Protein backbone atom coordinates (compact mmCIF):
# COMPACT_ATOMS: atom_id res chain seq x y z
CA MET A 1 -24.85 0.54 -0.37
CA ALA A 2 -23.54 -2.13 2.11
CA ALA A 3 -22.45 -0.61 5.57
CA MET A 4 -19.05 -0.21 6.16
CA SER A 5 -17.29 -1.56 9.31
CA PRO A 6 -15.06 1.55 11.03
CA ILE A 7 -11.49 -0.40 10.19
CA TYR A 8 -12.38 -1.08 6.41
CA LEU A 9 -13.32 3.07 6.43
CA PHE A 10 -10.39 3.94 8.30
CA THR A 11 -7.77 2.03 5.98
CA LEU A 12 -9.54 3.14 2.79
CA VAL A 13 -9.42 6.94 3.53
CA PHE A 14 -5.95 6.43 4.94
CA LEU A 15 -4.85 4.96 1.73
CA VAL A 16 -6.61 7.29 -0.02
CA LEU A 17 -5.05 10.29 1.66
CA THR A 18 -1.30 8.34 1.37
CA ALA A 19 -1.67 8.09 -2.33
CA LEU A 20 -2.82 11.62 -2.88
CA LEU A 21 0.58 12.61 -0.57
CA ALA A 22 2.72 9.78 -2.60
CA LEU A 23 1.13 11.36 -6.19
CA TRP A 24 2.05 14.81 -4.96
CA ARG A 25 5.11 15.05 -3.43
CA GLY A 26 6.83 11.25 -3.43
CA GLY A 27 9.24 9.73 -5.50
CA PRO A 28 8.93 7.19 -8.08
CA TRP A 29 8.80 4.28 -5.70
CA GLN A 30 5.94 5.71 -3.42
CA ARG A 31 4.01 6.82 -6.94
CA ALA A 32 4.63 3.17 -8.09
CA LEU A 33 3.54 1.77 -4.79
CA SER A 34 0.41 3.78 -4.23
CA ILE A 35 -0.70 3.11 -7.55
CA ALA A 36 -0.39 -0.59 -7.00
CA LEU A 37 -2.26 -0.58 -3.55
CA GLY A 38 -4.92 1.27 -5.62
CA VAL A 39 -5.10 -1.35 -8.25
CA ALA A 40 -5.12 -3.68 -5.64
CA TRP A 41 -7.66 -2.72 -3.77
CA LEU A 42 -9.98 -2.53 -7.00
CA ILE A 43 -9.31 -5.91 -7.75
CA SER A 44 -10.41 -6.72 -4.10
CA GLN A 45 -13.85 -4.73 -4.48
CA ILE A 46 -14.81 -5.96 -8.06
CA VAL A 47 -14.26 -9.46 -6.98
CA PRO A 48 -17.01 -10.95 -4.92
CA PHE A 49 -15.75 -12.69 -1.69
CA ASP A 50 -18.49 -14.84 0.28
CA TYR A 51 -16.49 -15.54 3.50
CA ARG A 52 -16.68 -19.18 2.70
CA THR A 53 -14.29 -19.44 0.20
CA PRO A 54 -10.25 -18.14 0.08
CA PRO A 55 -10.36 -14.84 -1.78
CA TRP A 56 -8.20 -15.81 -4.29
CA ALA A 57 -8.47 -12.06 -6.57
CA ALA A 58 -7.08 -10.54 -3.20
CA VAL A 59 -4.92 -13.11 -2.67
CA SER A 60 -3.30 -12.78 -6.12
CA ALA A 61 -3.28 -8.91 -6.10
CA ASP A 62 -1.61 -8.70 -2.61
CA GLY A 63 1.09 -11.27 -4.36
CA LEU A 64 1.55 -9.18 -7.06
CA VAL A 65 2.25 -5.96 -4.70
CA PHE A 66 4.27 -8.09 -2.61
CA LEU A 67 6.35 -9.04 -5.73
CA LEU A 68 6.90 -5.40 -6.44
CA LEU A 69 8.03 -4.73 -2.83
CA LEU A 70 10.91 -7.44 -3.20
CA TYR A 71 11.95 -5.68 -6.44
CA GLY A 72 11.91 -2.33 -4.83
CA ALA A 73 13.84 -3.50 -1.57
CA ALA A 74 16.20 -5.52 -3.98
CA ARG A 75 16.55 -2.33 -6.10
CA SER A 76 15.82 1.02 -4.63
CA GLY A 77 18.38 1.45 -2.02
CA THR A 78 15.57 2.79 0.11
CA TRP A 79 15.19 2.64 4.13
CA TRP A 80 11.30 1.89 3.65
CA MET A 81 10.92 -0.55 1.04
CA PRO A 82 12.04 -3.80 3.15
CA ILE A 83 9.19 -2.59 5.86
CA ALA A 84 7.04 -2.20 3.50
CA ALA A 85 7.52 -5.86 1.92
CA ALA A 86 7.46 -7.26 5.60
CA PHE A 87 4.21 -5.80 6.13
CA GLN A 88 3.09 -7.22 2.65
CA PHE A 89 4.51 -10.45 3.64
CA LEU A 90 2.28 -10.77 7.00
CA VAL A 91 -0.88 -9.46 4.81
CA LEU A 92 0.24 -12.86 2.52
CA ALA A 93 0.73 -14.85 5.76
CA THR A 94 -2.83 -14.32 6.66
CA HIS A 95 -4.36 -15.01 3.62
CA TYR A 96 -2.58 -18.22 4.10
CA VAL A 97 -3.90 -19.08 7.59
CA PHE A 98 -7.26 -18.37 6.08
CA ILE A 99 -6.69 -20.39 3.23
CA THR A 100 -5.27 -23.31 5.25
CA ASP A 101 -8.28 -23.36 7.67
CA ILE A 102 -11.23 -21.85 6.11
CA ARG A 103 -13.21 -22.16 9.52
CA LEU A 104 -11.10 -19.21 11.26
CA GLU A 105 -13.16 -16.77 12.56
CA GLN A 106 -13.92 -13.89 9.98
CA TRP A 107 -13.02 -11.32 12.70
CA ALA A 108 -9.48 -12.59 13.25
CA TYR A 109 -8.81 -13.10 9.72
CA VAL A 110 -9.92 -9.53 8.67
CA SER A 111 -8.82 -7.70 11.62
CA ALA A 112 -5.13 -8.95 11.24
CA TYR A 113 -5.45 -8.07 7.43
CA TYR A 114 -6.65 -4.67 7.78
CA VAL A 115 -3.73 -4.32 10.54
CA TRP A 116 -1.15 -5.19 8.56
CA ASN A 117 -2.39 -3.02 5.89
CA ILE A 118 -2.16 -0.06 8.06
CA GLY A 119 1.41 -1.08 8.94
CA LEU A 120 2.13 -1.27 5.30
CA ILE A 121 0.18 2.33 4.41
CA ALA A 122 1.71 4.17 7.33
CA THR A 123 5.19 2.99 5.83
CA LEU A 124 4.63 4.56 2.68
CA PHE A 125 2.98 7.98 4.32
CA VAL A 126 6.37 8.20 6.37
CA SER A 127 8.46 7.99 3.36
CA CYS A 128 6.60 10.24 1.39
CA LEU A 129 6.84 13.07 4.28
CA LEU A 130 10.71 12.49 4.41
CA TYR A 131 11.17 12.37 0.97
CA ARG A 132 13.19 15.30 -0.48
CA ARG A 133 13.47 15.50 -4.52
CA LYS A 134 16.81 16.34 -5.61
CA ALA A 135 17.33 20.35 -5.88
CA ARG A 136 16.76 21.76 -9.56
CA ALA A 137 18.70 24.26 -11.42
CA PRO A 138 18.36 27.94 -10.72
CA HIS A 139 15.49 29.55 -12.55
CA PRO A 140 16.80 31.43 -15.92
CA ALA A 141 16.08 34.96 -14.23
CA GLY A 142 18.56 34.48 -11.34
CA HIS A 143 15.62 35.38 -8.48
CA GLY A 144 16.59 32.05 -6.48
CA LYS A 145 13.37 30.30 -7.92
CA THR A 146 13.97 26.76 -8.96
CA GLN A 147 12.37 25.72 -12.31
CA ALA A 148 9.73 23.75 -9.82
CA ASP A 149 8.38 26.83 -8.50
């Protein structure tokens, strides 16, 4: 197994923990985004990247995540979707800079890529912490419990 850089490992752990939080207590948009980010990460891991050519699979996956975020920003009415879309736009801008000048130092490209992804994941994380589910109908026994209990 190849060694993982600290920023890669941090981002991966943060993504996994945030996705679990989204699946546990997030709303439908948080869940959809966590799944989309997981699929995008899988695609970027499956398709090899040799650091001499643009990572077209990762660019495509990130582009699809951006389209989901744009749709969500327009339709969801949430405060966090436009922020997440902005971070994803910066991810795509980082890809664009690398594609237009392949000589870009890898450290700069990868660092910027992870910084923007951490911003996106942090936005999703905070949105999950602040998400409040609608109250359910009282428990039939009338003991003050909700159906979710």
